Amino acid sequence: MSSVPNVLEEITITTIISWSTAISMEPAAWNMLDVVLSSGFPYLRKLTIDVEMGVMAGDAQGEAEATTAALQKIFDEKFEWSRKNLTFVASGRGVAI
Protein backbone atom coordinates (compact mmCIF):
# COMPACT_ATOMS: atom_id res chain seq x y z
CA MET A 1 0.00 0.00 0.00
CA SER A 2 1.22 3.50 -0.79
CA SER A 3 2.29 5.89 1.96
CA VAL A 4 0.67 8.73 -0.02
CA PRO A 5 -2.89 9.41 1.19
CA ASN A 6 -5.79 8.92 -1.19
CA VAL A 7 -6.80 12.41 -2.33
CA LEU A 8 -10.09 11.62 -4.07
CA GLU A 9 -12.71 14.20 -3.17
CA GLU A 10 -15.71 12.81 -5.07
CA ILE A 11 -16.74 9.29 -6.09
CA THR A 12 -19.64 8.54 -8.40
CA ILE A 13 -20.83 4.98 -8.93
CA THR A 14 -23.40 4.44 -11.66
CA THR A 15 -24.51 0.96 -12.60
CA ILE A 16 -27.24 -0.61 -14.69
CA ILE A 17 -27.80 -4.26 -13.85
CA SER A 18 -29.72 -6.66 -16.04
CA TRP A 19 -31.92 -9.38 -14.62
CA SER A 20 -29.43 -12.09 -15.52
CA THR A 21 -26.57 -10.42 -13.64
CA ALA A 22 -25.91 -11.55 -10.09
CA ILE A 23 -25.77 -8.73 -7.55
CA SER A 24 -25.81 -8.97 -3.84
CA MET A 25 -28.81 -7.40 -2.19
CA GLU A 26 -27.23 -8.47 1.10
CA PRO A 27 -27.01 -5.26 3.17
CA ALA A 28 -23.76 -6.32 4.86
CA ALA A 29 -22.02 -6.50 1.49
CA TRP A 30 -23.03 -2.93 0.69
CA ASN A 31 -21.96 -1.79 4.16
CA MET A 32 -18.40 -2.88 3.33
CA LEU A 33 -18.18 0.01 0.86
CA ASP A 34 -19.04 2.48 3.62
CA VAL A 35 -16.41 0.92 5.90
CA VAL A 36 -13.69 1.10 3.23
CA LEU A 37 -14.51 4.71 2.41
CA SER A 38 -14.47 5.72 6.07
CA SER A 39 -10.96 4.40 6.62
CA GLY A 40 -9.10 5.05 3.39
CA PHE A 41 -10.33 8.29 1.86
CA PRO A 42 -9.48 11.22 4.15
CA TYR A 43 -10.28 13.90 1.55
CA LEU A 44 -13.55 12.40 0.33
CA ARG A 45 -16.42 14.88 0.51
CA LYS A 46 -19.08 13.47 -1.82
CA LEU A 47 -20.36 10.01 -2.69
CA THR A 48 -22.97 9.49 -5.38
CA ILE A 49 -24.46 6.04 -6.05
CA ASP A 50 -27.03 5.34 -8.76
CA VAL A 51 -28.24 1.78 -9.27
CA GLU A 52 -30.80 0.66 -11.84
CA MET A 53 -31.75 -3.01 -11.66
CA GLY A 54 -33.83 -4.73 -14.32
CA VAL A 55 -36.51 -7.02 -12.90
CA MET A 56 -38.26 -9.73 -14.87
CA ALA A 57 -40.82 -11.83 -13.07
CA GLY A 58 -44.47 -12.79 -13.22
CA ASP A 59 -45.30 -9.56 -11.40
CA ALA A 60 -42.45 -7.46 -12.81
CA GLN A 61 -43.94 -4.14 -11.64
CA GLY A 62 -44.41 -5.45 -8.10
CA GLU A 63 -40.88 -6.88 -8.08
CA ALA A 64 -39.50 -3.58 -9.40
CA GLU A 65 -41.19 -1.68 -6.57
CA ALA A 66 -39.86 -4.19 -4.02
CA THR A 67 -36.34 -3.86 -5.46
CA THR A 68 -36.54 -0.08 -5.30
CA ALA A 69 -37.62 -0.27 -1.64
CA ALA A 70 -34.83 -2.76 -0.82
CA LEU A 71 -32.17 -0.56 -2.39
CA GLN A 72 -33.47 2.52 -0.56
CA LYS A 73 -33.38 0.61 2.74
CA ILE A 74 -29.76 -0.37 2.08
CA PHE A 75 -28.82 3.24 1.33
CA ASP A 76 -30.64 4.45 4.46
CA GLU A 77 -29.25 1.84 6.84
CA LYS A 78 -25.84 0.72 5.56
CA PHE A 79 -24.13 3.98 4.66
CA GLU A 80 -24.14 5.53 8.11
CA TRP A 81 -20.64 7.01 7.91
CA SER A 82 -21.25 8.41 4.43
CA ARG A 83 -24.55 10.02 5.45
CA LYS A 84 -22.94 11.65 8.51
CA ASN A 85 -19.66 12.79 6.97
CA LEU A 86 -20.20 13.32 3.25
CA THR A 87 -22.60 14.80 0.81
CA PHE A 88 -24.30 11.47 0.14
CA VAL A 89 -26.58 11.12 -2.89
CA ALA A 90 -28.03 7.67 -3.54
CA SER A 91 -30.77 6.43 -5.79
CA GLY A 92 -31.79 2.92 -6.62
CA ARG A 93 -34.67 1.68 -8.65
CA GLY A 94 -36.02 -1.53 -9.96
CA VAL A 95 -37.25 -1.38 -13.54
CA ALA A 96 -39.71 -3.90 -14.97
CA ILE A 97 -38.30 -5.43 -18.15
PDB file of N, CA and C in Angstrom:
ATOM      1  N   MET A   1       0.833  -1.178   0.000  1.00  0.00           N
ATOM      2  CA  MET A   1       0.000   0.000   0.000  1.00  0.00           C
ATOM      3  C   MET A   1       0.881   1.246   0.000  1.00  0.00           C
ATOM      4  N   SER A   2       0.461   2.263  -0.676  1.00  0.00           N
ATOM      5  CA  SER A   2       1.220   3.496  -0.793  1.00  0.00           C
ATOM      6  C   SER A   2       1.173   4.298   0.501  1.00  0.00           C
ATOM      7  N   SER A   3       2.265   5.014   0.783  1.00  0.00           N
ATOM      8  CA  SER A   3       2.286   5.886   1.955  1.00  0.00           C
ATOM      9  C   SER A   3       1.649   7.237   1.650  1.00  0.00           C
ATOM     10  N   VAL A   4       1.327   7.488   0.384  1.00  0.00           N
ATOM     11  CA  VAL A   4       0.670   8.726  -0.019  1.00  0.00           C
ATOM     12  C   VAL A   4      -0.828   8.579   0.224  1.00  0.00           C
ATOM     13  N   PRO A   5      -1.445   9.548   0.927  1.00  0.00           N
ATOM     14  CA  PRO A   5      -2.888   9.412   1.194  1.00  0.00           C
ATOM     15  C   PRO A   5      -3.714   9.518  -0.083  1.00  0.00           C
ATOM     16  N   ASN A   6      -4.855   8.845  -0.086  1.00  0.00           N
ATOM     17  CA  ASN A   6      -5.786   8.920  -1.187  1.00  0.00           C
ATOM     18  C   ASN A   6      -6.407  10.315  -1.181  1.00  0.00           C
ATOM     19  N   VAL A   7      -6.336  11.030  -2.279  1.00  0.00           N
ATOM     20  CA  VAL A   7      -6.804  12.410  -2.331  1.00  0.00           C
ATOM     21  C   VAL A   7      -8.108  12.588  -3.114  1.00  0.00           C
ATOM     22  N   LEU A   8      -8.808  11.495  -3.391  1.00  0.00           N
ATOM     23  CA  LEU A   8     -10.094  11.620  -4.074  1.00  0.00           C
ATOM     24  C   LEU A   8     -11.059  12.437  -3.235  1.00  0.00           C
ATOM     25  N   GLU A   9     -11.744  13.366  -3.874  1.00  0.00           N
ATOM     26  CA  GLU A   9     -12.714  14.195  -3.170  1.00  0.00           C
ATOM     27  C   GLU A   9     -14.149  13.809  -3.498  1.00  0.00           C
ATOM     28  N   GLU A  10     -14.366  13.223  -4.663  1.00  0.00           N
ATOM     29  CA  GLU A  10     -15.710  12.809  -5.070  1.00  0.00           C
ATOM     30  C   GLU A  10     -15.631  11.444  -5.747  1.00  0.00           C
ATOM     31  N   ILE A  11     -16.606  10.590  -5.426  1.00  0.00           N
ATOM     32  CA  ILE A  11     -16.737   9.294  -6.093  1.00  0.00           C
ATOM     33  C   ILE A  11     -18.174   9.170  -6.570  1.00  0.00           C
ATOM     34  N   THR A  12     -18.324   8.797  -7.835  1.00  0.00           N
ATOM     35  CA  THR A  12     -19.640   8.542  -8.405  1.00  0.00           C
ATOM     36  C   THR A  12     -19.659   7.113  -8.930  1.00  0.00           C
ATOM     37  N   ILE A  13     -20.646   6.357  -8.480  1.00  0.00           N
ATOM     38  CA  ILE A  13     -20.828   4.980  -8.926  1.00  0.00           C
ATOM     39  C   ILE A  13     -22.186   4.910  -9.615  1.00  0.00           C
ATOM     40  N   THR A  14     -22.172   4.589 -10.894  1.00  0.00           N
ATOM     41  CA  THR A  14     -23.403   4.441 -11.664  1.00  0.00           C
ATOM     42  C   THR A  14     -23.393   3.053 -12.274  1.00  0.00           C
ATOM     43  N   THR A  15     -24.466   2.313 -12.046  1.00  0.00           N
ATOM     44  CA  THR A  15     -24.512   0.960 -12.597  1.00  0.00           C
ATOM     45  C   THR A  15     -25.921   0.618 -13.054  1.00  0.00           C
ATOM     46  N   ILE A  16     -25.985  -0.075 -14.167  1.00  0.00           N
ATOM     47  CA  ILE A  16     -27.238  -0.613 -14.686  1.00  0.00           C
ATOM     48  C   ILE A  16     -27.063  -2.130 -14.705  1.00  0.00           C
ATOM     49  N   ILE A  17     -27.939  -2.822 -14.042  1.00  0.00           N
ATOM     50  CA  ILE A  17     -27.804  -4.257 -13.850  1.00  0.00           C
ATOM     51  C   ILE A  17     -28.975  -4.961 -14.521  1.00  0.00           C
ATOM     52  N   SER A  18     -28.655  -5.901 -15.401  1.00  0.00           N
ATOM     53  CA  SER A  18     -29.723  -6.663 -16.044  1.00  0.00           C
ATOM     54  C   SER A  18     -30.189  -7.772 -15.116  1.00  0.00           C
ATOM     55  N   TRP A  19     -31.332  -8.311 -15.435  1.00  0.00           N
ATOM     56  CA  TRP A  19     -31.919  -9.376 -14.616  1.00  0.00           C
ATOM     57  C   TRP A  19     -30.981 -10.555 -14.482  1.00  0.00           C
ATOM     58  N   SER A  20     -30.260 -10.888 -15.530  1.00  0.00           N
ATOM     59  CA  SER A  20     -29.432 -12.087 -15.521  1.00  0.00           C
ATOM     60  C   SER A  20     -28.115 -11.912 -14.759  1.00  0.00           C
ATOM     61  N   THR A  21     -27.812 -10.690 -14.353  1.00  0.00           N
ATOM     62  CA  THR A  21     -26.570 -10.419 -13.640  1.00  0.00           C
ATOM     63  C   THR A  21     -26.766 -10.634 -12.152  1.00  0.00           C
ATOM     64  N   ALA A  22     -25.838 -11.316 -11.544  1.00  0.00           N
ATOM     65  CA  ALA A  22     -25.912 -11.545 -10.094  1.00  0.00           C
ATOM     66  C   ALA A  22     -25.417 -10.301  -9.361  1.00  0.00           C
ATOM     67  N   ILE A  23     -26.178  -9.831  -8.415  1.00  0.00           N
ATOM     68  CA  ILE A  23     -25.766  -8.728  -7.551  1.00  0.00           C
ATOM     69  C   ILE A  23     -26.239  -9.052  -6.149  1.00  0.00           C
ATOM     70  N   SER A  24     -25.446  -8.699  -5.217  1.00  0.00           N
ATOM     71  CA  SER A  24     -25.812  -8.969  -3.837  1.00  0.00           C
ATOM     72  C   SER A  24     -26.747  -7.885  -3.316  1.00  0.00           C
ATOM     73  N   MET A  25     -27.900  -8.317  -2.872  1.00  0.00           N
ATOM     74  CA  MET A  25     -28.808  -7.400  -2.188  1.00  0.00           C
ATOM     75  C   MET A  25     -28.615  -7.555  -0.682  1.00  0.00           C
ATOM     76  N   GLU A  26     -27.557  -8.273  -0.307  1.00  0.00           N
ATOM     77  CA  GLU A  26     -27.235  -8.467   1.095  1.00  0.00           C
ATOM     78  C   GLU A  26     -26.716  -7.146   1.663  1.00  0.00           C
ATOM     79  N   PRO A  27     -27.422  -6.559   2.621  1.00  0.00           N
ATOM     80  CA  PRO A  27     -27.013  -5.265   3.165  1.00  0.00           C
ATOM     81  C   PRO A  27     -25.580  -5.228   3.702  1.00  0.00           C
ATOM     82  N   ALA A  28     -25.116  -6.305   4.306  1.00  0.00           N
ATOM     83  CA  ALA A  28     -23.759  -6.318   4.861  1.00  0.00           C
ATOM     84  C   ALA A  28     -22.705  -6.126   3.773  1.00  0.00           C
ATOM     85  N   ALA A  29     -22.963  -6.663   2.590  1.00  0.00           N
ATOM     86  CA  ALA A  29     -22.016  -6.504   1.494  1.00  0.00           C
ATOM     87  C   ALA A  29     -21.913  -5.038   1.077  1.00  0.00           C
ATOM     88  N   TRP A  30     -23.031  -4.343   1.048  1.00  0.00           N
ATOM     89  CA  TRP A  30     -23.027  -2.927   0.695  1.00  0.00           C
ATOM     90  C   TRP A  30     -22.373  -2.097   1.794  1.00  0.00           C
ATOM     91  N   ASN A  31     -22.546  -2.507   3.045  1.00  0.00           N
ATOM     92  CA  ASN A  31     -21.956  -1.794   4.163  1.00  0.00           C
ATOM     93  C   ASN A  31     -20.425  -1.794   4.084  1.00  0.00           C
ATOM     94  N   MET A  32     -19.856  -2.817   3.470  1.00  0.00           N
ATOM     95  CA  MET A  32     -18.401  -2.881   3.335  1.00  0.00           C
ATOM     96  C   MET A  32     -17.860  -1.675   2.571  1.00  0.00           C
ATOM     97  N   LEU A  33     -18.606  -1.181   1.591  1.00  0.00           N
ATOM     98  CA  LEU A  33     -18.179   0.011   0.855  1.00  0.00           C
ATOM     99  C   LEU A  33     -18.074   1.197   1.798  1.00  0.00           C
ATOM    100  N   ASP A  34     -19.057   1.379   2.653  1.00  0.00           N
ATOM    101  CA  ASP A  34     -19.041   2.478   3.619  1.00  0.00           C
ATOM    102  C   ASP A  34     -17.837   2.356   4.557  1.00  0.00           C
ATOM    103  N   VAL A  35     -17.539   1.152   4.996  1.00  0.00           N
ATOM    104  CA  VAL A  35     -16.411   0.917   5.901  1.00  0.00           C
ATOM    105  C   VAL A  35     -15.091   1.260   5.208  1.00  0.00           C
ATOM    106  N   VAL A  36     -14.926   0.815   3.978  1.00  0.00           N
ATOM    107  CA  VAL A  36     -13.693   1.104   3.233  1.00  0.00           C
ATOM    108  C   VAL A  36     -13.527   2.608   3.031  1.00  0.00           C
ATOM    109  N   LEU A  37     -14.596   3.270   2.638  1.00  0.00           N
ATOM    110  CA  LEU A  37     -14.507   4.709   2.408  1.00  0.00           C
ATOM    111  C   LEU A  37     -14.176   5.471   3.686  1.00  0.00           C
ATOM    112  N   SER A  38     -14.698   5.013   4.805  1.00  0.00           N
ATOM    113  CA  SER A  38     -14.469   5.717   6.074  1.00  0.00           C
ATOM    114  C   SER A  38     -13.023   5.617   6.543  1.00  0.00           C
ATOM    115  N   SER A  39     -12.314   4.591   6.109  1.00  0.00           N
ATOM    116  CA  SER A  39     -10.964   4.404   6.623  1.00  0.00           C
ATOM    117  C   SER A  39      -9.855   4.717   5.627  1.00  0.00           C
ATOM    118  N   GLY A  40     -10.171   4.885   4.362  1.00  0.00           N
ATOM    119  CA  GLY A  40      -9.103   5.050   3.389  1.00  0.00           C
ATOM    120  C   GLY A  40      -9.182   6.265   2.491  1.00  0.00           C
ATOM    121  N   PHE A  41     -10.125   7.142   2.737  1.00  0.00           N
ATOM    122  CA  PHE A  41     -10.329   8.285   1.859  1.00  0.00           C
ATOM    123  C   PHE A  41     -10.477   9.571   2.678  1.00  0.00           C
ATOM    124  N   PRO A  42      -9.390  10.080   3.234  1.00  0.00           N
ATOM    125  CA  PRO A  42      -9.479  11.219   4.152  1.00  0.00           C
ATOM    126  C   PRO A  42      -9.968  12.518   3.519  1.00  0.00           C
ATOM    127  N   TYR A  43      -9.861  12.655   2.205  1.00  0.00           N
ATOM    128  CA  TYR A  43     -10.281  13.896   1.545  1.00  0.00           C
ATOM    129  C   TYR A  43     -11.650  13.785   0.878  1.00  0.00           C
ATOM    130  N   LEU A  44     -12.263  12.623   0.978  1.00  0.00           N
ATOM    131  CA  LEU A  44     -13.550  12.399   0.331  1.00  0.00           C
ATOM    132  C   LEU A  44     -14.624  13.296   0.937  1.00  0.00           C
ATOM    133  N   ARG A  45     -15.354  13.975   0.062  1.00  0.00           N
ATOM    134  CA  ARG A  45     -16.419  14.880   0.514  1.00  0.00           C
ATOM    135  C   ARG A  45     -17.775  14.527  -0.069  1.00  0.00           C
ATOM    136  N   LYS A  46     -17.793  13.768  -1.186  1.00  0.00           N
ATOM    137  CA  LYS A  46     -19.079  13.472  -1.825  1.00  0.00           C
ATOM    138  C   LYS A  46     -19.062  12.063  -2.391  1.00  0.00           C
ATOM    139  N   LEU A  47     -20.146  11.340  -2.138  1.00  0.00           N
ATOM    140  CA  LEU A  47     -20.363  10.009  -2.693  1.00  0.00           C
ATOM    141  C   LEU A  47     -21.723   9.993  -3.364  1.00  0.00           C
ATOM    142  N   THR A  48     -21.731   9.614  -4.631  1.00  0.00           N
ATOM    143  CA  THR A  48     -22.972   9.486  -5.382  1.00  0.00           C
ATOM    144  C   THR A  48     -23.078   8.045  -5.878  1.00  0.00           C
ATOM    145  N   ILE A  49     -24.212   7.406  -5.591  1.00  0.00           N
ATOM    146  CA  ILE A  49     -24.462   6.044  -6.046  1.00  0.00           C
ATOM    147  C   ILE A  49     -25.799   6.031  -6.776  1.00  0.00           C
ATOM    148  N   ASP A  50     -25.795   5.471  -7.974  1.00  0.00           N
ATOM    149  CA  ASP A  50     -27.026   5.344  -8.761  1.00  0.00           C
ATOM    150  C   ASP A  50     -27.086   3.919  -9.298  1.00  0.00           C
ATOM    151  N   VAL A  51     -28.086   3.177  -8.872  1.00  0.00           N
ATOM    152  CA  VAL A  51     -28.240   1.781  -9.270  1.00  0.00           C
ATOM    153  C   VAL A  51     -29.588   1.607  -9.954  1.00  0.00           C
ATOM    154  N   GLU A  52     -29.568   1.027 -11.140  1.00  0.00           N
ATOM    155  CA  GLU A  52     -30.804   0.658 -11.840  1.00  0.00           C
ATOM    156  C   GLU A  52     -30.746  -0.845 -12.075  1.00  0.00           C
ATOM    157  N   MET A  53     -31.743  -1.552 -11.581  1.00  0.00           N
ATOM    158  CA  MET A  53     -31.753  -3.010 -11.662  1.00  0.00           C
ATOM    159  C   MET A  53     -32.973  -3.473 -12.439  1.00  0.00           C
ATOM    160  N   GLY A  54     -32.738  -4.165 -13.537  1.00  0.00           N
ATOM    161  CA  GLY A  54     -33.827  -4.727 -14.325  1.00  0.00           C
ATOM    162  C   GLY A  54     -34.449  -5.906 -13.598  1.00  0.00           C
ATOM    163  N   VAL A  55     -35.777  -5.957 -13.587  1.00  0.00           N
ATOM    164  CA  VAL A  55     -36.506  -7.016 -12.897  1.00  0.00           C
ATOM    165  C   VAL A  55     -37.456  -7.670 -13.886  1.00  0.00           C
ATOM    166  N   MET A  56     -37.366  -8.988 -13.986  1.00  0.00           N
ATOM    167  CA  MET A  56     -38.263  -9.728 -14.868  1.00  0.00           C
ATOM    168  C   MET A  56     -38.866 -10.872 -14.053  1.00  0.00           C
ATOM    169  N   ALA A  57     -40.133 -10.800 -13.842  1.00  0.00           N
ATOM    170  CA  ALA A  57     -40.822 -11.832 -13.068  1.00  0.00           C
ATOM    171  C   ALA A  57     -42.281 -11.821 -13.491  1.00  0.00           C
ATOM    172  N   GLY A  58     -43.049 -12.737 -12.920  1.00  0.00           N
ATOM    173  CA  GLY A  58     -44.471 -12.787 -13.225  1.00  0.00           C
ATOM    174  C   GLY A  58     -45.146 -11.457 -12.924  1.00  0.00           C
ATOM    175  N   ASP A  59     -44.786 -10.876 -11.803  1.00  0.00           N
ATOM    176  CA  ASP A  59     -45.296  -9.563 -11.405  1.00  0.00           C
ATOM    177  C   ASP A  59     -44.127  -8.585 -11.440  1.00  0.00           C
ATOM    178  N   ALA A  60     -43.651  -8.277 -12.658  1.00  0.00           N
ATOM    179  CA  ALA A  60     -42.448  -7.457 -12.814  1.00  0.00           C
ATOM    180  C   ALA A  60     -42.592  -6.100 -12.137  1.00  0.00           C
ATOM    181  N   GLN A  61     -43.767  -5.470 -12.254  1.00  0.00           N
ATOM    182  CA  GLN A  61     -43.938  -4.144 -11.645  1.00  0.00           C
ATOM    183  C   GLN A  61     -43.856  -4.241 -10.123  1.00  0.00           C
ATOM    184  N   GLY A  62     -44.484  -5.255  -9.546  1.00  0.00           N
ATOM    185  CA  GLY A  62     -44.408  -5.446  -8.095  1.00  0.00           C
ATOM    186  C   GLY A  62     -42.991  -5.739  -7.632  1.00  0.00           C
ATOM    187  N   GLU A  63     -42.273  -6.571  -8.400  1.00  0.00           N
ATOM    188  CA  GLU A  63     -40.876  -6.878  -8.079  1.00  0.00           C
ATOM    189  C   GLU A  63     -39.996  -5.640  -8.216  1.00  0.00           C
ATOM    190  N   ALA A  64     -40.269  -4.812  -9.216  1.00  0.00           N
ATOM    191  CA  ALA A  64     -39.499  -3.580  -9.404  1.00  0.00           C
ATOM    192  C   ALA A  64     -39.689  -2.652  -8.209  1.00  0.00           C
ATOM    193  N   GLU A  65     -40.922  -2.527  -7.735  1.00  0.00           N
ATOM    194  CA  GLU A  65     -41.187  -1.684  -6.567  1.00  0.00           C
ATOM    195  C   GLU A  65     -40.506  -2.243  -5.322  1.00  0.00           C
ATOM    196  N   ALA A  66     -40.518  -3.567  -5.162  1.00  0.00           N
ATOM    197  CA  ALA A  66     -39.856  -4.194  -4.015  1.00  0.00           C
ATOM    198  C   ALA A  66     -38.343  -3.990  -4.079  1.00  0.00           C
ATOM    199  N   THR A  67     -37.774  -4.075  -5.279  1.00  0.00           N
ATOM    200  CA  THR A  67     -36.336  -3.864  -5.458  1.00  0.00           C
ATOM    201  C   THR A  67     -35.970  -2.426  -5.141  1.00  0.00           C
ATOM    202  N   THR A  68     -36.772  -1.485  -5.600  1.00  0.00           N
ATOM    203  CA  THR A  68     -36.535  -0.079  -5.298  1.00  0.00           C
ATOM    204  C   THR A  68     -36.546   0.150  -3.794  1.00  0.00           C
ATOM    205  N   ALA A  69     -37.525  -0.418  -3.102  1.00  0.00           N
ATOM    206  CA  ALA A  69     -37.616  -0.271  -1.644  1.00  0.00           C
ATOM    207  C   ALA A  69     -36.417  -0.911  -0.947  1.00  0.00           C
ATOM    208  N   ALA A  70     -35.984  -2.081  -1.436  1.00  0.00           N
ATOM    209  CA  ALA A  70     -34.834  -2.765  -0.822  1.00  0.00           C
ATOM    210  C   ALA A  70     -33.553  -1.957  -0.991  1.00  0.00           C
ATOM    211  N   LEU A  71     -33.351  -1.392  -2.165  1.00  0.00           N
ATOM    212  CA  LEU A  71     -32.168  -0.558  -2.387  1.00  0.00           C
ATOM    213  C   LEU A  71     -32.202   0.681  -1.512  1.00  0.00           C
ATOM    214  N   GLN A  72     -33.359   1.320  -1.400  1.00  0.00           N
ATOM    215  CA  GLN A  72     -33.466   2.516  -0.560  1.00  0.00           C
ATOM    216  C   GLN A  72     -33.171   2.180   0.897  1.00  0.00           C
ATOM    217  N   LYS A  73     -33.650   1.042   1.363  1.00  0.00           N
ATOM    218  CA  LYS A  73     -33.378   0.615   2.737  1.00  0.00           C
ATOM    219  C   LYS A  73     -31.882   0.413   2.956  1.00  0.00           C
ATOM    220  N   ILE A  74     -31.217  -0.193   1.984  1.00  0.00           N
ATOM    221  CA  ILE A  74     -29.764  -0.368   2.077  1.00  0.00           C
ATOM    222  C   ILE A  74     -29.075   0.983   2.164  1.00  0.00           C
ATOM    223  N   PHE A  75     -29.447   1.913   1.306  1.00  0.00           N
ATOM    224  CA  PHE A  75     -28.821   3.240   1.333  1.00  0.00           C
ATOM    225  C   PHE A  75     -29.088   3.957   2.656  1.00  0.00           C
ATOM    226  N   ASP A  76     -30.278   3.789   3.187  1.00  0.00           N
ATOM    227  CA  ASP A  76     -30.637   4.446   4.455  1.00  0.00           C
ATOM    228  C   ASP A  76     -29.922   3.845   5.658  1.00  0.00           C
ATOM    229  N   GLU A  77     -29.746   2.524   5.648  1.00  0.00           N
ATOM    230  CA  GLU A  77     -29.247   1.840   6.841  1.00  0.00           C
ATOM    231  C   GLU A  77     -27.772   1.460   6.803  1.00  0.00           C
ATOM    232  N   LYS A  78     -27.191   1.283   5.640  1.00  0.00           N
ATOM    233  CA  LYS A  78     -25.844   0.723   5.556  1.00  0.00           C
ATOM    234  C   LYS A  78     -24.769   1.706   5.118  1.00  0.00           C
ATOM    235  N   PHE A  79     -25.110   2.958   5.002  1.00  0.00           N
ATOM    236  CA  PHE A  79     -24.135   3.984   4.656  1.00  0.00           C
ATOM    237  C   PHE A  79     -24.129   5.059   5.739  1.00  0.00           C
ATOM    238  N   GLU A  80     -24.074   4.615   6.965  1.00  0.00           N
ATOM    239  CA  GLU A  80     -24.143   5.527   8.107  1.00  0.00           C
ATOM    240  C   GLU A  80     -23.004   6.550   8.090  1.00  0.00           C
ATOM    241  N   TRP A  81     -21.782   6.083   7.918  1.00  0.00           N
ATOM    242  CA  TRP A  81     -20.644   7.006   7.909  1.00  0.00           C
ATOM    243  C   TRP A  81     -20.773   8.006   6.766  1.00  0.00           C
ATOM    244  N   SER A  82     -21.117   7.525   5.585  1.00  0.00           N
ATOM    245  CA  SER A  82     -21.252   8.410   4.425  1.00  0.00           C
ATOM    246  C   SER A  82     -22.329   9.459   4.645  1.00  0.00           C
ATOM    247  N   ARG A  83     -23.464   9.057   5.212  1.00  0.00           N
ATOM    248  CA  ARG A  83     -24.546  10.018   5.449  1.00  0.00           C
ATOM    249  C   ARG A  83     -24.136  11.080   6.463  1.00  0.00           C
ATOM    250  N   LYS A  84     -23.339  10.713   7.453  1.00  0.00           N
ATOM    251  CA  LYS A  84     -22.940  11.652   8.506  1.00  0.00           C
ATOM    252  C   LYS A  84     -21.785  12.560   8.095  1.00  0.00           C
ATOM    253  N   ASN A  85     -20.909  12.082   7.232  1.00  0.00           N
ATOM    254  CA  ASN A  85     -19.663  12.788   6.970  1.00  0.00           C
ATOM    255  C   ASN A  85     -19.481  13.318   5.560  1.00  0.00           C
ATOM    256  N   LEU A  86     -20.340  12.935   4.655  1.00  0.00           N
ATOM    257  CA  LEU A  86     -20.199  13.325   3.254  1.00  0.00           C
ATOM    258  C   LEU A  86     -21.490  13.932   2.739  1.00  0.00           C
ATOM    259  N   THR A  87     -21.402  14.547   1.590  1.00  0.00           N
ATOM    260  CA  THR A  87     -22.599  14.796   0.812  1.00  0.00           C
ATOM    261  C   THR A  87     -22.896  13.458   0.154  1.00  0.00           C
ATOM    262  N   PHE A  88     -23.974  12.823   0.575  1.00  0.00           N
ATOM    263  CA  PHE A  88     -24.304  11.466   0.136  1.00  0.00           C
ATOM    264  C   PHE A  88     -25.571  11.511  -0.694  1.00  0.00           C
ATOM    265  N   VAL A  89     -25.448  11.137  -1.961  1.00  0.00           N
ATOM    266  CA  VAL A  89     -26.578  11.118  -2.885  1.00  0.00           C
ATOM    267  C   VAL A  89     -26.724   9.696  -3.400  1.00  0.00           C
ATOM    268  N   ALA A  90     -27.840   9.061  -3.109  1.00  0.00           N
ATOM    269  CA  ALA A  90     -28.031   7.672  -3.537  1.00  0.00           C
ATOM    270  C   ALA A  90     -29.425   7.498  -4.111  1.00  0.00           C
ATOM    271  N   SER A  91     -29.479   6.795  -5.219  1.00  0.00           N
ATOM    272  CA  SER A  91     -30.771   6.434  -5.791  1.00  0.00           C
ATOM    273  C   SER A  91     -30.669   5.010  -6.317  1.00  0.00           C
ATOM    274  N   GLY A  92     -31.726   4.282  -6.127  1.00  0.00           N
ATOM    275  CA  GLY A  92     -31.792   2.920  -6.617  1.00  0.00           C
ATOM    276  C   GLY A  92     -33.205   2.645  -7.069  1.00  0.00           C
ATOM    277  N   ARG A  93     -33.325   1.966  -8.172  1.00  0.00           N
ATOM    278  CA  ARG A  93     -34.667   1.675  -8.653  1.00  0.00           C
ATOM    279  C   ARG A  93     -34.683   0.357  -9.415  1.00  0.00           C
ATOM    280  N   GLY A  94     -35.742  -0.346  -9.191  1.00  0.00           N
ATOM    281  CA  GLY A  94     -36.017  -1.534  -9.963  1.00  0.00           C
ATOM    282  C   GLY A  94     -36.849  -1.131 -11.163  1.00  0.00           C
ATOM    283  N   VAL A  95     -36.531  -1.715 -12.307  1.00  0.00           N
ATOM    284  CA  VAL A  95     -37.245  -1.381 -13.539  1.00  0.00           C
ATOM    285  C   VAL A  95     -37.780  -2.664 -14.138  1.00  0.00           C
ATOM    286  N   ALA A  96     -39.082  -2.716 -14.363  1.00  0.00           N
ATOM    287  CA  ALA A  96     -39.706  -3.905 -14.969  1.00  0.00           C
ATOM    288  C   ALA A  96     -39.251  -4.023 -16.419  1.00  0.00           C
ATOM    289  N   ILE A  97     -38.735  -5.211 -16.770  1.00  0.00           N
ATOM    290  CA  ILE A  97     -38.305  -5.428 -18.154  1.00  0.00           C
ATOM    291  C   ILE A  97     -39.011  -6.623 -18.741  1.00  0.00           C
TER     292      ILE A  97
END
